[in-house]
Amino acid sequence: MTAKEFAIIETGGKQYLVSEGDTVRIEKIKGAIEGPNRASYAVGDKIVFDKVLLVDDGSNTSIGEPYLKGAAVSAEIKAISRAKKVEVIKYKAKSNYFKRRGHRQPYFEVQIQKLK
């Protein structure tokens, strides 16, 4: 059995374990892509994650302090959407108090292309 190369990246305040070919749902990335007339991210755009915490190639493990210098993970945006609705209900018995709120968290679905 051969070990699969993987990395741990940080984005959106969370850490993700990724390998080449994986599809991962990450937090929405704020800001715009550099370049002429680009307002925001779109499906098909390439993203490079440079906050790499750990890289393992099956025989060697590199751990950053806190990040690895020169390491990067490139990915492509496959979908931009929002998760299922989460309903928050506040209720107090016998006092005619009832509040219902809903929230849908935006996310990017990215496919990992290459670990550098």
PDB file of N, CA and C in Angstrom:
ATOM      1  N   MET A   1       0.839  -1.182   0.000  1.00  0.00           N
ATOM      2  CA  MET A   1       0.000   0.000   0.000  1.00  0.00           C
ATOM      3  C   MET A   1       0.884   1.244   0.000  1.00  0.00           C
ATOM      4  N   THR A   2       0.630   2.151  -0.920  1.00  0.00           N
ATOM      5  CA  THR A   2       1.417   3.378  -0.990  1.00  0.00           C
ATOM      6  C   THR A   2       0.687   4.480  -0.235  1.00  0.00           C
ATOM      7  N   ALA A   3       1.466   5.305   0.443  1.00  0.00           N
ATOM      8  CA  ALA A   3       0.882   6.407   1.189  1.00  0.00           C
ATOM      9  C   ALA A   3       0.572   7.552   0.237  1.00  0.00           C
ATOM     10  N   LYS A   4      -0.531   8.212   0.488  1.00  0.00           N
ATOM     11  CA  LYS A   4      -0.965   9.320  -0.352  1.00  0.00           C
ATOM     12  C   LYS A   4      -0.393  10.625   0.197  1.00  0.00           C
ATOM     13  N   GLU A   5       0.065  11.482  -0.697  1.00  0.00           N
ATOM     14  CA  GLU A   5       0.584  12.779  -0.283  1.00  0.00           C
ATOM     15  C   GLU A   5      -0.582  13.669   0.131  1.00  0.00           C
ATOM     16  N   PHE A   6      -0.403  14.379   1.254  1.00  0.00           N
ATOM     17  CA  PHE A   6      -1.452  15.266   1.727  1.00  0.00           C
ATOM     18  C   PHE A   6      -0.839  16.496   2.371  1.00  0.00           C
ATOM     19  N   ALA A   7      -1.688  17.493   2.563  1.00  0.00           N
ATOM     20  CA  ALA A   7      -1.267  18.734   3.212  1.00  0.00           C
ATOM     21  C   ALA A   7      -2.410  19.227   4.095  1.00  0.00           C
ATOM     22  N   ILE A   8      -2.061  20.059   5.062  1.00  0.00           N
ATOM     23  CA  ILE A   8      -3.060  20.722   5.890  1.00  0.00           C
ATOM     24  C   ILE A   8      -2.938  22.211   5.619  1.00  0.00           C
ATOM     25  N   ILE A   9      -4.040  22.806   5.141  1.00  0.00           N
ATOM     26  CA  ILE A   9      -4.047  24.229   4.817  1.00  0.00           C
ATOM     27  C   ILE A   9      -4.975  24.959   5.770  1.00  0.00           C
ATOM     28  N   GLU A  10      -4.777  26.271   5.860  1.00  0.00           N
ATOM     29  CA  GLU A  10      -5.647  27.108   6.680  1.00  0.00           C
ATOM     30  C   GLU A  10      -6.266  28.170   5.796  1.00  0.00           C
ATOM     31  N   THR A  11      -7.597  28.287   5.866  1.00  0.00           N
ATOM     32  CA  THR A  11      -8.311  29.336   5.154  1.00  0.00           C
ATOM     33  C   THR A  11      -9.639  29.575   5.853  1.00  0.00           C
ATOM     34  N   GLY A  12     -10.037  30.806   5.936  1.00  0.00           N
ATOM     35  CA  GLY A  12     -11.297  31.152   6.569  1.00  0.00           C
ATOM     36  C   GLY A  12     -11.340  30.828   8.050  1.00  0.00           C
ATOM     37  N   GLY A  13     -10.166  30.801   8.708  1.00  0.00           N
ATOM     38  CA  GLY A  13     -10.121  30.499  10.126  1.00  0.00           C
ATOM     39  C   GLY A  13     -10.268  29.032  10.452  1.00  0.00           C
ATOM     40  N   LYS A  14     -10.258  28.175   9.434  1.00  0.00           N
ATOM     41  CA  LYS A  14     -10.385  26.733   9.638  1.00  0.00           C
ATOM     42  C   LYS A  14      -9.220  26.012   8.961  1.00  0.00           C
ATOM     43  N   GLN A  15      -8.986  24.784   9.376  1.00  0.00           N
ATOM     44  CA  GLN A  15      -7.924  23.970   8.802  1.00  0.00           C
ATOM     45  C   GLN A  15      -8.539  22.796   8.052  1.00  0.00           C
ATOM     46  N   TYR A  16      -7.961  22.469   6.891  1.00  0.00           N
ATOM     47  CA  TYR A  16      -8.480  21.404   6.031  1.00  0.00           C
ATOM     48  C   TYR A  16      -7.347  20.465   5.646  1.00  0.00           C
ATOM     49  N   LEU A  17      -7.599  19.161   5.704  1.00  0.00           N
ATOM     50  CA  LEU A  17      -6.667  18.152   5.234  1.00  0.00           C
ATOM     51  C   LEU A  17      -7.015  17.867   3.777  1.00  0.00           C
ATOM     52  N   VAL A  18      -6.071  18.104   2.864  1.00  0.00           N
ATOM     53  CA  VAL A  18      -6.350  17.980   1.435  1.00  0.00           C
ATOM     54  C   VAL A  18      -5.294  17.125   0.734  1.00  0.00           C
ATOM     55  N   SER A  19      -5.702  16.490  -0.353  1.00  0.00           N
ATOM     56  CA  SER A  19      -4.820  15.743  -1.245  1.00  0.00           C
ATOM     57  C   SER A  19      -5.171  16.136  -2.672  1.00  0.00           C
ATOM     58  N   GLU A  20      -4.310  15.789  -3.617  1.00  0.00           N
ATOM     59  CA  GLU A  20      -4.593  16.095  -5.017  1.00  0.00           C
ATOM     60  C   GLU A  20      -5.855  15.365  -5.457  1.00  0.00           C
ATOM     61  N   GLY A  21      -6.730  16.094  -6.153  1.00  0.00           N
ATOM     62  CA  GLY A  21      -7.966  15.514  -6.658  1.00  0.00           C
ATOM     63  C   GLY A  21      -9.140  15.628  -5.701  1.00  0.00           C
ATOM     64  N   ASP A  22      -8.898  16.008  -4.446  1.00  0.00           N
ATOM     65  CA  ASP A  22      -9.982  16.148  -3.471  1.00  0.00           C
ATOM     66  C   ASP A  22     -10.875  17.334  -3.815  1.00  0.00           C
ATOM     67  N   THR A  23     -12.154  17.218  -3.466  1.00  0.00           N
ATOM     68  CA  THR A  23     -13.087  18.325  -3.554  1.00  0.00           C
ATOM     69  C   THR A  23     -13.474  18.700  -2.132  1.00  0.00           C
ATOM     70  N   VAL A  24     -13.267  19.978  -1.778  1.00  0.00           N
ATOM     71  CA  VAL A  24     -13.453  20.436  -0.404  1.00  0.00           C
ATOM     72  C   VAL A  24     -14.359  21.656  -0.401  1.00  0.00           C
ATOM     73  N   ARG A  25     -15.253  21.730   0.591  1.00  0.00           N
ATOM     74  CA  ARG A  25     -16.072  22.930   0.793  1.00  0.00           C
ATOM     75  C   ARG A  25     -15.367  23.812   1.807  1.00  0.00           C
ATOM     76  N   ILE A  26     -15.012  25.022   1.380  1.00  0.00           N
ATOM     77  CA  ILE A  26     -14.315  25.951   2.266  1.00  0.00           C
ATOM     78  C   ILE A  26     -15.182  27.184   2.489  1.00  0.00           C
ATOM     79  N   GLU A  27     -14.814  27.972   3.469  1.00  0.00           N
ATOM     80  CA  GLU A  27     -15.509  29.226   3.722  1.00  0.00           C
ATOM     81  C   GLU A  27     -15.355  30.154   2.523  1.00  0.00           C
ATOM     82  N   LYS A  28     -16.338  30.991   2.311  1.00  0.00           N
ATOM     83  CA  LYS A  28     -16.282  31.967   1.219  1.00  0.00           C
ATOM     84  C   LYS A  28     -15.078  32.881   1.419  1.00  0.00           C
ATOM     85  N   ILE A  29     -14.334  33.113   0.353  1.00  0.00           N
ATOM     86  CA  ILE A  29     -13.155  33.967   0.407  1.00  0.00           C
ATOM     87  C   ILE A  29     -13.571  35.373   0.001  1.00  0.00           C
ATOM     88  N   LYS A  30     -13.313  36.325   0.884  1.00  0.00           N
ATOM     89  CA  LYS A  30     -13.672  37.714   0.598  1.00  0.00           C
ATOM     90  C   LYS A  30     -12.608  38.344  -0.280  1.00  0.00           C
ATOM     91  N   GLY A  31     -12.982  39.425  -0.934  1.00  0.00           N
ATOM     92  CA  GLY A  31     -12.024  40.138  -1.763  1.00  0.00           C
ATOM     93  C   GLY A  31     -12.181  39.808  -3.229  1.00  0.00           C
ATOM     94  N   ALA A  32     -11.278  40.366  -4.004  1.00  0.00           N
ATOM     95  CA  ALA A  32     -11.353  40.197  -5.453  1.00  0.00           C
ATOM     96  C   ALA A  32     -10.067  39.590  -5.980  1.00  0.00           C
ATOM     97  N   ILE A  33     -10.186  38.950  -7.121  1.00  0.00           N
ATOM     98  CA  ILE A  33      -9.019  38.422  -7.809  1.00  0.00           C
ATOM     99  C   ILE A  33      -8.305  39.575  -8.485  1.00  0.00           C
ATOM    100  N   GLU A  34      -6.975  39.511  -8.499  1.00  0.00           N
ATOM    101  CA  GLU A  34      -6.214  40.561  -9.165  1.00  0.00           C
ATOM    102  C   GLU A  34      -6.368  40.443 -10.670  1.00  0.00           C
ATOM    103  N   GLY A  35      -6.328  41.556 -11.327  1.00  0.00           N
ATOM    104  CA  GLY A  35      -6.440  41.550 -12.778  1.00  0.00           C
ATOM    105  C   GLY A  35      -7.420  42.601 -13.241  1.00  0.00           C
ATOM    106  N   PRO A  36      -7.400  42.874 -14.541  1.00  0.00           N
ATOM    107  CA  PRO A  36      -8.281  43.916 -15.062  1.00  0.00           C
ATOM    108  C   PRO A  36      -9.748  43.488 -15.041  1.00  0.00           C
ATOM    109  N   ASN A  37     -10.582  44.404 -14.569  1.00  0.00           N
ATOM    110  CA  ASN A  37     -12.040  44.254 -14.603  1.00  0.00           C
ATOM    111  C   ASN A  37     -12.553  43.007 -13.885  1.00  0.00           C
ATOM    112  N   ARG A  38     -11.901  42.588 -12.809  1.00  0.00           N
ATOM    113  CA  ARG A  38     -12.373  41.439 -12.046  1.00  0.00           C
ATOM    114  C   ARG A  38     -12.954  41.930 -10.734  1.00  0.00           C
ATOM    115  N   ALA A  39     -14.220  41.681 -10.515  1.00  0.00           N
ATOM    116  CA  ALA A  39     -14.882  42.175  -9.310  1.00  0.00           C
ATOM    117  C   ALA A  39     -14.790  41.175  -8.158  1.00  0.00           C
ATOM    118  N   SER A  40     -14.995  39.897  -8.428  1.00  0.00           N
ATOM    119  CA  SER A  40     -14.966  38.902  -7.359  1.00  0.00           C
ATOM    120  C   SER A  40     -14.645  37.535  -7.956  1.00  0.00           C
ATOM    121  N   TYR A  41     -14.596  36.534  -7.106  1.00  0.00           N
ATOM    122  CA  TYR A  41     -14.297  35.183  -7.561  1.00  0.00           C
ATOM    123  C   TYR A  41     -15.466  34.611  -8.353  1.00  0.00           C
ATOM    124  N   ALA A  42     -15.151  33.732  -9.302  1.00  0.00           N
ATOM    125  CA  ALA A  42     -16.172  33.085 -10.119  1.00  0.00           C
ATOM    126  C   ALA A  42     -15.795  31.617 -10.305  1.00  0.00           C
ATOM    127  N   VAL A  43     -16.767  30.821 -10.729  1.00  0.00           N
ATOM    128  CA  VAL A  43     -16.516  29.409 -10.982  1.00  0.00           C
ATOM    129  C   VAL A  43     -15.468  29.278 -12.089  1.00  0.00           C
ATOM    130  N   GLY A  44     -14.482  28.436 -11.870  1.00  0.00           N
ATOM    131  CA  GLY A  44     -13.408  28.233 -12.830  1.00  0.00           C
ATOM    132  C   GLY A  44     -12.132  28.990 -12.490  1.00  0.00           C
ATOM    133  N   ASP A  45     -12.191  29.913 -11.540  1.00  0.00           N
ATOM    134  CA  ASP A  45     -11.000  30.656 -11.135  1.00  0.00           C
ATOM    135  C   ASP A  45     -10.034  29.749 -10.381  1.00  0.00           C
ATOM    136  N   LYS A  46      -8.756  30.066 -10.491  1.00  0.00           N
ATOM    137  CA  LYS A  46      -7.701  29.342  -9.779  1.00  0.00           C
ATOM    138  C   LYS A  46      -7.381  30.088  -8.489  1.00  0.00           C
ATOM    139  N   ILE A  47      -7.175  29.331  -7.409  1.00  0.00           N
ATOM    140  CA  ILE A  47      -6.823  29.896  -6.111  1.00  0.00           C
ATOM    141  C   ILE A  47      -5.556  29.204  -5.629  1.00  0.00           C
ATOM    142  N   VAL A  48      -4.677  29.961  -4.983  1.00  0.00           N
ATOM    143  CA  VAL A  48      -3.477  29.388  -4.378  1.00  0.00           C
ATOM    144  C   VAL A  48      -3.542  29.635  -2.882  1.00  0.00           C
ATOM    145  N   PHE A  49      -3.489  28.559  -2.118  1.00  0.00           N
ATOM    146  CA  PHE A  49      -3.463  28.651  -0.661  1.00  0.00           C
ATOM    147  C   PHE A  49      -2.007  28.594  -0.220  1.00  0.00           C
ATOM    148  N   ASP A  50      -1.527  29.689   0.370  1.00  0.00           N
ATOM    149  CA  ASP A  50      -0.128  29.730   0.786  1.00  0.00           C
ATOM    150  C   ASP A  50       0.051  29.507   2.282  1.00  0.00           C
ATOM    151  N   LYS A  51      -1.038  29.422   3.029  1.00  0.00           N
ATOM    152  CA  LYS A  51      -0.959  29.119   4.460  1.00  0.00           C
ATOM    153  C   LYS A  51      -1.016  27.606   4.639  1.00  0.00           C
ATOM    154  N   VAL A  52       0.129  26.954   4.429  1.00  0.00           N
ATOM    155  CA  VAL A  52       0.243  25.499   4.534  1.00  0.00           C
ATOM    156  C   VAL A  52       0.896  25.180   5.876  1.00  0.00           C
ATOM    157  N   LEU A  53       0.207  24.394   6.696  1.00  0.00           N
ATOM    158  CA  LEU A  53       0.702  24.064   8.027  1.00  0.00           C
ATOM    159  C   LEU A  53       1.560  22.807   8.042  1.00  0.00           C
ATOM    160  N   LEU A  54       1.242  21.834   7.176  1.00  0.00           N
ATOM    161  CA  LEU A  54       1.933  20.556   7.178  1.00  0.00           C
ATOM    162  C   LEU A  54       1.866  19.938   5.791  1.00  0.00           C
ATOM    163  N   VAL A  55       2.943  19.272   5.387  1.00  0.00           N
ATOM    164  CA  VAL A  55       2.963  18.516   4.134  1.00  0.00           C
ATOM    165  C   VAL A  55       3.577  17.156   4.429  1.00  0.00           C
ATOM    166  N   ASP A  56       2.919  16.083   3.955  1.00  0.00           N
ATOM    167  CA  ASP A  56       3.423  14.726   4.139  1.00  0.00           C
ATOM    168  C   ASP A  56       3.380  14.030   2.792  1.00  0.00           C
ATOM    169  N   ASP A  57       4.531  13.488   2.360  1.00  0.00           N
ATOM    170  CA  ASP A  57       4.585  12.799   1.062  1.00  0.00           C
ATOM    171  C   ASP A  57       4.672  11.286   1.205  1.00  0.00           C
ATOM    172  N   GLY A  58       4.411  10.770   2.386  1.00  0.00           N
ATOM    173  CA  GLY A  58       4.450   9.330   2.600  1.00  0.00           C
ATOM    174  C   GLY A  58       5.692   8.876   3.328  1.00  0.00           C
ATOM    175  N   SER A  59       6.800   9.584   3.131  1.00  0.00           N
ATOM    176  CA  SER A  59       8.031   9.214   3.830  1.00  0.00           C
ATOM    177  C   SER A  59       8.600  10.365   4.648  1.00  0.00           C
ATOM    178  N   ASN A  60       8.367  11.587   4.201  1.00  0.00           N
ATOM    179  CA  ASN A  60       8.852  12.771   4.911  1.00  0.00           C
ATOM    180  C   ASN A  60       7.675  13.655   5.299  1.00  0.00           C
ATOM    181  N   THR A  61       7.770  14.196   6.503  1.00  0.00           N
ATOM    182  CA  THR A  61       6.744  15.121   6.985  1.00  0.00           C
ATOM    183  C   THR A  61       7.398  16.452   7.296  1.00  0.00           C
ATOM    184  N   SER A  62       6.847  17.531   6.735  1.00  0.00           N
ATOM    185  CA  SER A  62       7.339  18.876   7.011  1.00  0.00           C
ATOM    186  C   SER A  62       6.265  19.621   7.786  1.00  0.00           C
ATOM    187  N   ILE A  63       6.668  20.197   8.916  1.00  0.00           N
ATOM    188  CA  ILE A  63       5.735  20.924   9.768  1.00  0.00           C
ATOM    189  C   ILE A  63       6.178  22.371   9.835  1.00  0.00           C
ATOM    190  N   GLY A  64       5.243  23.298   9.624  1.00  0.00           N
ATOM    191  CA  GLY A  64       5.557  24.718   9.643  1.00  0.00           C
ATOM    192  C   GLY A  64       5.515  25.297  11.043  1.00  0.00           C
ATOM    193  N   GLU A  65       6.122  26.473  11.176  1.00  0.00           N
ATOM    194  CA  GLU A  65       6.143  27.173  12.457  1.00  0.00           C
ATOM    195  C   GLU A  65       5.737  28.618  12.284  1.00  0.00           C
ATOM    196  N   PRO A  66       4.546  29.048  12.077  1.00  0.00           N
ATOM    197  CA  PRO A  66       3.329  28.255  11.949  1.00  0.00           C
ATOM    198  C   PRO A  66       3.072  27.761  10.524  1.00  0.00           C
ATOM    199  N   TYR A  67       3.669  28.432   9.505  1.00  0.00           N
ATOM    200  CA  TYR A  67       3.420  28.020   8.121  1.00  0.00           C
ATOM    201  C   TYR A  67       4.729  27.595   7.475  1.00  0.00           C
ATOM    202  N   LEU A  68       4.615  26.732   6.455  1.00  0.00           N
ATOM    203  CA  LEU A  68       5.792  26.304   5.693  1.00  0.00           C
ATOM    204  C   LEU A  68       6.150  27.366   4.664  1.00  0.00           C
ATOM    205  N   LYS A  69       7.410  27.736   4.620  1.00  0.00           N
ATOM    206  CA  LYS A  69       7.861  28.710   3.626  1.00  0.00           C
ATOM    207  C   LYS A  69       8.008  28.017   2.275  1.00  0.00           C
ATOM    208  N   GLY A  70       7.473  28.633   1.231  1.00  0.00           N
ATOM    209  CA  GLY A  70       7.598  28.101  -0.115  1.00  0.00           C
ATOM    210  C   GLY A  70       6.572  27.041  -0.469  1.00  0.00           C
ATOM    211  N   ALA A  71       5.771  26.604   0.476  1.00  0.00           N
ATOM    212  CA  ALA A  71       4.749  25.594   0.191  1.00  0.00           C
ATOM    213  C   ALA A  71       3.450  26.278  -0.218  1.00  0.00           C
ATOM    214  N   ALA A  72       2.748  25.665  -1.164  1.00  0.00           N
ATOM    215  CA  ALA A  72       1.476  26.210  -1.626  1.00  0.00           C
ATOM    216  C   ALA A  72       0.610  25.076  -2.167  1.00  0.00           C
ATOM    217  N   VAL A  73      -0.677  25.301  -2.129  1.00  0.00           N
ATOM    218  CA  VAL A  73      -1.642  24.354  -2.672  1.00  0.00           C
ATOM    219  C   VAL A  73      -2.493  25.116  -3.669  1.00  0.00           C
ATOM    220  N   SER A  74      -2.542  24.628  -4.914  1.00  0.00           N
ATOM    221  CA  SER A  74      -3.353  25.298  -5.927  1.00  0.00           C
ATOM    222  C   SER A  74      -4.665  24.528  -6.107  1.00  0.00           C
ATOM    223  N   ALA A  75      -5.735  25.294  -6.337  1.00  0.00           N
ATOM    224  CA  ALA A  75      -7.064  24.703  -6.472  1.00  0.00           C
ATOM    225  C   ALA A  75      -7.874  25.490  -7.488  1.00  0.00           C
ATOM    226  N   GLU A  76      -8.972  24.895  -7.909  1.00  0.00           N
ATOM    227  CA  GLU A  76      -9.889  25.537  -8.854  1.00  0.00           C
ATOM    228  C   GLU A  76     -11.281  25.551  -8.247  1.00  0.00           C
ATOM    229  N   ILE A  77     -11.981  26.675  -8.372  1.00  0.00           N
ATOM    230  CA  ILE A  77     -13.336  26.796  -7.837  1.00  0.00           C
ATOM    231  C   ILE A  77     -14.292  26.037  -8.753  1.00  0.00           C
ATOM    232  N   LYS A  78     -14.995  25.072  -8.183  1.00  0.00           N
ATOM    233  CA  LYS A  78     -15.964  24.277  -8.944  1.00  0.00           C
ATOM    234  C   LYS A  78     -17.389  24.768  -8.753  1.00  0.00           C
ATOM    235  N   ALA A  79     -17.690  25.335  -7.576  1.00  0.00           N
ATOM    236  CA  ALA A  79     -19.048  25.820  -7.306  1.00  0.00           C
ATOM    237  C   ALA A  79     -19.000  26.902  -6.240  1.00  0.00           C
ATOM    238  N   ILE A  80     -19.892  27.858  -6.357  1.00  0.00           N
ATOM    239  CA  ILE A  80     -20.090  28.879  -5.336  1.00  0.00           C
ATOM    240  C   ILE A  80     -21.569  28.814  -4.976  1.00  0.00           C
ATOM    241  N   SER A  81     -21.839  28.511  -3.717  1.00  0.00           N
ATOM    242  CA  SER A  81     -23.232  28.309  -3.336  1.00  0.00           C
ATOM    243  C   SER A  81     -23.417  28.619  -1.857  1.00  0.00           C
ATOM    244  N   ARG A  82     -24.585  28.236  -1.355  1.00  0.00           N
ATOM    245  CA  ARG A  82     -24.864  28.385   0.064  1.00  0.00           C
ATOM    246  C   ARG A  82     -25.363  27.051   0.612  1.00  0.00           C
ATOM    247  N   ALA A  83     -25.054  26.785   1.859  1.00  0.00           N
ATOM    248  CA  ALA A  83     -25.430  25.528   2.497  1.00  0.00           C
ATOM    249  C   ALA A  83     -26.928  25.505   2.780  1.00  0.00           C
ATOM    250  N   LYS A  84     -27.404  24.366   3.274  1.00  0.00           N
ATOM    251  CA  LYS A  84     -28.813  24.246   3.647  1.00  0.00           C
ATOM    252  C   LYS A  84     -29.141  25.223   4.757  1.00  0.00           C
ATOM    253  N   LYS A  85     -30.392  25.616   4.812  1.00  0.00           N
ATOM    254  CA  LYS A  85     -30.822  26.597   5.803  1.00  0.00           C
ATOM    255  C   LYS A  85     -30.780  26.003   7.211  1.00  0.00           C
ATOM    256  N   VAL A  86     -30.235  26.797   8.121  1.00  0.00           N
ATOM    257  CA  VAL A  86     -30.247  26.469   9.536  1.00  0.00           C
ATOM    258  C   VAL A  86     -31.245  27.406  10.192  1.00  0.00           C
ATOM    259  N   GLU A  87     -32.244  26.841  10.858  1.00  0.00           N
ATOM    260  CA  GLU A  87     -33.251  27.660  11.522  1.00  0.00           C
ATOM    261  C   GLU A  87     -32.906  27.815  12.989  1.00  0.00           C
ATOM    262  N   VAL A  88     -33.009  29.043  13.475  1.00  0.00           N
ATOM    263  CA  VAL A  88     -32.780  29.348  14.879  1.00  0.00           C
ATOM    264  C   VAL A  88     -34.112  29.805  15.452  1.00  0.00           C
ATOM    265  N   ILE A  89     -34.577  29.122  16.485  1.00  0.00           N
ATOM    266  CA  ILE A  89     -35.863  29.434  17.086  1.00  0.00           C
ATOM    267  C   ILE A  89     -35.648  29.815  18.549  1.00  0.00           C
ATOM    268  N   LYS A  90     -36.240  30.939  18.928  1.00  0.00           N
ATOM    269  CA  LYS A  90     -36.246  31.372  20.329  1.00  0.00           C
ATOM    270  C   LYS A  90     -37.697  31.323  20.798  1.00  0.00           C
ATOM    271  N   TYR A  91     -37.919  30.697  21.938  1.00  0.00           N
ATOM    272  CA  TYR A  91     -39.276  30.514  22.418  1.00  0.00           C
ATOM    273  C   TYR A  91     -39.298  30.580  23.935  1.00  0.00           C
ATOM    274  N   LYS A  92     -40.263  31.300  24.466  1.00  0.00           N
ATOM    275  CA  LYS A  92     -40.485  31.340  25.906  1.00  0.00           C
ATOM    276  C   LYS A  92     -41.945  30.986  26.158  1.00  0.00           C
ATOM    277  N   ALA A  93     -42.128  29.985  26.947  1.00  0.00           N
ATOM    278  CA  ALA A  93     -43.487  29.504  27.226  1.00  0.00           C
ATOM    279  C   ALA A  93     -44.287  30.534  28.021  1.00  0.00           C
ATOM    280  N   LYS A  94     -45.564  30.577  27.759  1.00  0.00           N
ATOM    281  CA  LYS A  94     -46.539  31.380  28.512  1.00  0.00           C
ATOM    282  C   LYS A  94     -46.290  32.880  28.454  1.00  0.00           C
ATOM    283  N   SER A  95     -45.467  33.346  27.508  1.00  0.00           N
ATOM    284  CA  SER A  95     -45.223  34.792  27.450  1.00  0.00           C
ATOM    285  C   SER A  95     -45.408  35.354  26.043  1.00  0.00           C
ATOM    286  N   ASN A  96     -45.959  34.560  25.140  1.00  0.00           N
ATOM    287  CA  ASN A  96     -46.224  35.000  23.778  1.00  0.00           C
ATOM    288  C   ASN A  96     -44.943  35.491  23.081  1.00  0.00           C
ATOM    289  N   TYR A  97     -43.844  34.774  23.308  1.00  0.00           N
ATOM    290  CA  TYR A  97     -42.564  35.149  22.692  1.00  0.00           C
ATOM    291  C   TYR A  97     -42.098  34.006  21.809  1.00  0.00           C
ATOM    292  N   PHE A  98     -41.970  34.282  20.514  1.00  0.00           N
ATOM    293  CA  PHE A  98     -41.515  33.289  19.549  1.00  0.00           C
ATOM    294  C   PHE A  98     -40.810  34.017  18.415  1.00  0.00           C
ATOM    295  N   LYS A  99     -39.563  33.674  18.168  1.00  0.00           N
ATOM    296  CA  LYS A  99     -38.813  34.258  17.054  1.00  0.00           C
ATOM    297  C   LYS A  99     -38.213  33.135  16.233  1.00  0.00           C
ATOM    298  N   ARG A 100     -38.280  33.272  14.926  1.00  0.00           N
ATOM    299  CA  ARG A 100     -37.692  32.288  14.033  1.00  0.00           C
ATOM    300  C   ARG A 100     -36.816  33.028  13.030  1.00  0.00           C
ATOM    301  N   ARG A 101     -35.583  32.618  12.936  1.00  0.00           N
ATOM    302  CA  ARG A 101     -34.644  33.202  11.985  1.00  0.00           C
ATOM    303  C   ARG A 101     -33.979  32.080  11.206  1.00  0.00           C
ATOM    304  N   GLY A 102     -33.642  32.347   9.961  1.00  0.00           N
ATOM    305  CA  GLY A 102     -32.938  31.364   9.148  1.00  0.00           C
ATOM    306  C   GLY A 102     -31.629  31.935   8.635  1.00  0.00           C
ATOM    307  N   HIS A 103     -30.684  31.043   8.368  1.00  0.00           N
ATOM    308  CA  HIS A 103     -29.378  31.467   7.870  1.00  0.00           C
ATOM    309  C   HIS A 103     -28.839  30.413   6.923  1.00  0.00           C
ATOM    310  N   ARG A 104     -28.276  30.851   5.802  1.00  0.00           N
ATOM    311  CA  ARG A 104     -27.608  29.955   4.861  1.00  0.00           C
ATOM    312  C   ARG A 104     -26.179  30.427   4.704  1.00  0.00           C
ATOM    313  N   GLN A 105     -25.217  29.597   5.106  1.00  0.00           N
ATOM    314  CA  GLN A 105     -23.804  29.954   5.081  1.00  0.00           C
ATOM    315  C   GLN A 105     -23.242  29.804   3.670  1.00  0.00           C
ATOM    316  N   PRO A 106     -22.636  30.854   3.097  1.00  0.00           N
ATOM    317  CA  PRO A 106     -22.030  30.725   1.776  1.00  0.00           C
ATOM    318  C   PRO A 106     -20.739  29.910   1.837  1.00  0.00           C
ATOM    319  N   TYR A 107     -20.445  29.205   0.748  1.00  0.00           N
ATOM    320  CA  TYR A 107     -19.214  28.417   0.682  1.00  0.00           C
ATOM    321  C   TYR A 107     -18.699  28.349  -0.751  1.00  0.00           C
ATOM    322  N   PHE A 108     -17.421  28.002  -0.880  1.00  0.00           N
ATOM    323  CA  PHE A 108     -16.794  27.699  -2.165  1.00  0.00           C
ATOM    324  C   PHE A 108     -16.503  26.207  -2.169  1.00  0.00           C
ATOM    325  N   GLU A 109     -16.837  25.545  -3.253  1.00  0.00           N
ATOM    326  CA  GLU A 109     -16.441  24.148  -3.422  1.00  0.00           C
ATOM    327  C   GLU A 109     -15.245  24.154  -4.364  1.00  0.00           C
ATOM    328  N   VAL A 110     -14.088  23.735  -3.864  1.00  0.00           N
ATOM    329  CA  VAL A 110     -12.853  23.785  -4.648  1.00  0.00           C
ATOM    330  C   VAL A 110     -12.302  22.392  -4.852  1.00  0.00           C
ATOM    331  N   GLN A 111     -11.667  22.201  -6.004  1.00  0.00           N
ATOM    332  CA  GLN A 111     -10.985  20.929  -6.285  1.00  0.00           C
ATOM    333  C   GLN A 111      -9.488  21.185  -6.230  1.00  0.00           C
ATOM    334  N   ILE A 112      -8.787  20.401  -5.440  1.00  0.00           N
ATOM    335  CA  ILE A 112      -7.351  20.563  -5.245  1.00  0.00           C
ATOM    336  C   ILE A 112      -6.641  20.053  -6.499  1.00  0.00           C
ATOM    337  N   GLN A 113      -5.828  20.913  -7.107  1.00  0.00           N
ATOM    338  CA  GLN A 113      -5.120  20.570  -8.339  1.00  0.00           C
ATOM    339  C   GLN A 113      -3.706  20.039  -8.061  1.00  0.00           C
ATOM    340  N   LYS A 114      -2.949  20.789  -7.233  1.00  0.00           N
ATOM    341  CA  LYS A 114      -1.546  20.430  -7.048  1.00  0.00           C
ATOM    342  C   LYS A 114      -1.041  20.876  -5.685  1.00  0.00           C
ATOM    343  N   LEU A 115      -0.215  20.031  -5.087  1.00  0.00           N
ATOM    344  CA  LEU A 115       0.491  20.372  -3.856  1.00  0.00           C
ATOM    345  C   LEU A 115       1.920  20.730  -4.240  1.00  0.00           C
ATOM    346  N   LYS A 116       2.381  21.933  -3.883  1.00  0.00           N
ATOM    347  CA  LYS A 116       3.730  22.359  -4.261  1.00  0.00           C
ATOM    348  C   LYS A 116       4.622  22.347  -3.043  1.00  0.00           C
TER     349      LYS A 116
END
